[in-house]
Amino acid sequence: MVTSIILMNVERSQINEVAAALAEMRGISEVYSVSGNYDLVAIARVENNEKLSDLVTSQMVKLTGIRKTETMLAFQSFSRHDLETMFSIGLDGI
């Protein structure tokens, strides 16, 4: 599984439309509107790099309103949820 974080600059008048379209795309698990240098952040979770390439360069490119993207690949997850699960294994009844 490949996880990536996609940072986007979007035409201000189309932020909601682009976010809704992204949320419907296969491979996009979450979309956030954010403050700062970017307008939207999408989390993509796909099977392999080829699927990520297709998502970004074939599907997302068709969305009107996206001006610029920056895609970052996640190497490792340090989720609090994952840590809680890991540390609770075998500790029932302690």
C-alpha atoms as a PDB file:
ATOM      1  CA  MET A   1       0.000   0.000   0.000  1.00  0.00           C
ATOM      2  CA  VAL A   2       1.302   3.434  -0.978  1.00  0.00           C
ATOM      3  CA  THR A   3       0.173   6.438   1.057  1.00  0.00           C
ATOM      4  CA  SER A   4       0.764   9.949  -0.161  1.00  0.00           C
ATOM      5  CA  ILE A   5      -0.111  13.444   0.932  1.00  0.00           C
ATOM      6  CA  ILE A   6      -1.099  15.736  -1.926  1.00  0.00           C
ATOM      7  CA  LEU A   7      -0.917  19.474  -1.263  1.00  0.00           C
ATOM      8  CA  MET A   8      -2.915  21.672  -3.637  1.00  0.00           C
ATOM      9  CA  ASN A   9      -3.333  25.269  -4.624  1.00  0.00           C
ATOM     10  CA  VAL A  10      -6.837  25.685  -6.020  1.00  0.00           C
ATOM     11  CA  GLU A  11      -8.771  28.563  -7.561  1.00  0.00           C
ATOM     12  CA  ARG A  12     -10.549  30.061  -4.553  1.00  0.00           C
ATOM     13  CA  SER A  13     -13.952  30.007  -6.213  1.00  0.00           C
ATOM     14  CA  GLN A  14     -13.642  26.253  -6.842  1.00  0.00           C
ATOM     15  CA  ILE A  15     -12.265  24.918  -3.559  1.00  0.00           C
ATOM     16  CA  ASN A  16     -15.513  23.234  -2.483  1.00  0.00           C
ATOM     17  CA  GLU A  17     -16.167  21.722  -5.920  1.00  0.00           C
ATOM     18  CA  VAL A  18     -12.626  20.383  -6.236  1.00  0.00           C
ATOM     19  CA  ALA A  19     -12.721  18.976  -2.694  1.00  0.00           C
ATOM     20  CA  ALA A  20     -16.013  17.186  -3.381  1.00  0.00           C
ATOM     21  CA  ALA A  21     -14.718  15.753  -6.672  1.00  0.00           C
ATOM     22  CA  LEU A  22     -11.515  14.539  -5.013  1.00  0.00           C
ATOM     23  CA  ALA A  23     -13.441  12.882  -2.181  1.00  0.00           C
ATOM     24  CA  GLU A  24     -15.308  10.801  -4.784  1.00  0.00           C
ATOM     25  CA  MET A  25     -12.157   9.551  -6.507  1.00  0.00           C
ATOM     26  CA  ARG A  26     -11.037   5.995  -5.981  1.00  0.00           C
ATOM     27  CA  GLY A  27      -7.777   6.108  -4.030  1.00  0.00           C
ATOM     28  CA  ILE A  28      -8.471   9.357  -2.178  1.00  0.00           C
ATOM     29  CA  SER A  29      -9.343   8.520   1.422  1.00  0.00           C
ATOM     30  CA  GLU A  30      -9.576  12.039   2.873  1.00  0.00           C
ATOM     31  CA  VAL A  31      -9.645  15.648   1.719  1.00  0.00           C
ATOM     32  CA  TYR A  32      -9.075  18.623   4.018  1.00  0.00           C
ATOM     33  CA  SER A  33      -9.433  22.330   3.425  1.00  0.00           C
ATOM     34  CA  VAL A  34      -6.552  23.956   5.266  1.00  0.00           C
ATOM     35  CA  SER A  35      -5.016  27.284   6.158  1.00  0.00           C
ATOM     36  CA  GLY A  36      -1.537  28.336   5.118  1.00  0.00           C
ATOM     37  CA  ASN A  37       0.253  28.031   1.792  1.00  0.00           C
ATOM     38  CA  TYR A  38      -2.135  25.422   0.380  1.00  0.00           C
ATOM     39  CA  ASP A  39      -5.897  25.289  -0.048  1.00  0.00           C
ATOM     40  CA  LEU A  40      -6.559  21.546   0.033  1.00  0.00           C
ATOM     41  CA  VAL A  41      -4.731  18.475   1.310  1.00  0.00           C
ATOM     42  CA  ALA A  42      -5.714  15.038   0.028  1.00  0.00           C
ATOM     43  CA  ILE A  43      -4.606  11.722   1.474  1.00  0.00           C
ATOM     44  CA  ALA A  44      -4.229   9.044  -1.188  1.00  0.00           C
ATOM     45  CA  ARG A  45      -3.977   5.354  -0.385  1.00  0.00           C
ATOM     46  CA  VAL A  46      -3.397   3.150  -3.409  1.00  0.00           C
ATOM     47  CA  GLU A  47      -1.974  -0.274  -4.178  1.00  0.00           C
ATOM     48  CA  ASN A  48       1.261   0.803  -5.855  1.00  0.00           C
ATOM     49  CA  ASN A  49       3.195   3.695  -7.402  1.00  0.00           C
ATOM     50  CA  GLU A  50       1.630   3.116 -10.814  1.00  0.00           C
ATOM     51  CA  LYS A  51      -1.866   3.648  -9.339  1.00  0.00           C
ATOM     52  CA  LEU A  52      -0.634   6.816  -7.630  1.00  0.00           C
ATOM     53  CA  SER A  53       0.819   8.065 -10.894  1.00  0.00           C
ATOM     54  CA  ASP A  54      -2.480   7.399 -12.656  1.00  0.00           C
ATOM     55  CA  LEU A  55      -4.447   9.128  -9.901  1.00  0.00           C
ATOM     56  CA  VAL A  56      -2.313  12.293  -9.972  1.00  0.00           C
ATOM     57  CA  THR A  57      -1.380  12.596 -13.649  1.00  0.00           C
ATOM     58  CA  SER A  58      -4.468  11.122 -15.350  1.00  0.00           C
ATOM     59  CA  GLN A  59      -7.414  11.712 -13.021  1.00  0.00           C
ATOM     60  CA  MET A  60      -6.646  14.759 -10.892  1.00  0.00           C
ATOM     61  CA  VAL A  61      -5.298  16.689 -13.883  1.00  0.00           C
ATOM     62  CA  LYS A  62      -8.838  16.658 -15.345  1.00  0.00           C
ATOM     63  CA  LEU A  63     -10.242  18.665 -12.426  1.00  0.00           C
ATOM     64  CA  THR A  64     -10.769  22.297 -13.293  1.00  0.00           C
ATOM     65  CA  GLY A  65      -9.458  24.643 -10.640  1.00  0.00           C
ATOM     66  CA  ILE A  66      -6.310  22.888  -9.440  1.00  0.00           C
ATOM     67  CA  ARG A  67      -3.438  25.284 -10.120  1.00  0.00           C
ATOM     68  CA  LYS A  68      -0.528  23.429  -8.498  1.00  0.00           C
ATOM     69  CA  THR A  69       0.112  20.204  -6.594  1.00  0.00           C
ATOM     70  CA  GLU A  70       2.925  18.856  -4.466  1.00  0.00           C
ATOM     71  CA  THR A  71       2.841  15.117  -3.798  1.00  0.00           C
ATOM     72  CA  MET A  72       4.723  13.622  -0.873  1.00  0.00           C
ATOM     73  CA  LEU A  73       5.157   9.871  -0.334  1.00  0.00           C
ATOM     74  CA  ALA A  74       4.755   8.585   3.196  1.00  0.00           C
ATOM     75  CA  PHE A  75       7.531   6.230   4.282  1.00  0.00           C
ATOM     76  CA  GLN A  76       6.227   5.205   7.693  1.00  0.00           C
ATOM     77  CA  SER A  77       3.160   5.819   9.841  1.00  0.00           C
ATOM     78  CA  PHE A  78       3.360   6.869  13.469  1.00  0.00           C
ATOM     79  CA  SER A  79      -0.351   6.985  14.193  1.00  0.00           C
ATOM     80  CA  ARG A  80      -1.437   7.155  17.820  1.00  0.00           C
ATOM     81  CA  HIS A  81      -4.154   4.635  16.978  1.00  0.00           C
ATOM     82  CA  ASP A  82      -1.573   2.163  15.670  1.00  0.00           C
ATOM     83  CA  LEU A  83       0.574   2.603  18.791  1.00  0.00           C
ATOM     84  CA  GLU A  84      -2.398   1.999  21.092  1.00  0.00           C
ATOM     85  CA  THR A  85      -3.227  -1.195  19.195  1.00  0.00           C
ATOM     86  CA  MET A  86       0.370  -2.389  19.291  1.00  0.00           C
ATOM     87  CA  PHE A  87       0.788  -1.813  23.028  1.00  0.00           C
ATOM     88  CA  SER A  88      -2.539  -3.373  23.940  1.00  0.00           C
ATOM     89  CA  ILE A  89      -1.761  -6.757  22.350  1.00  0.00           C
ATOM     90  CA  GLY A  90      -1.636  -9.411  25.033  1.00  0.00           C
ATOM     91  CA  LEU A  91      -2.348  -7.040  27.877  1.00  0.00           C
ATOM     92  CA  ASP A  92      -5.951  -8.090  28.556  1.00  0.00           C
ATOM     93  CA  GLY A  93      -6.561  -8.692  32.230  1.00  0.00           C
ATOM     94  CA  ILE A  94      -3.445  -6.901  33.464  1.00  0.00           C
END
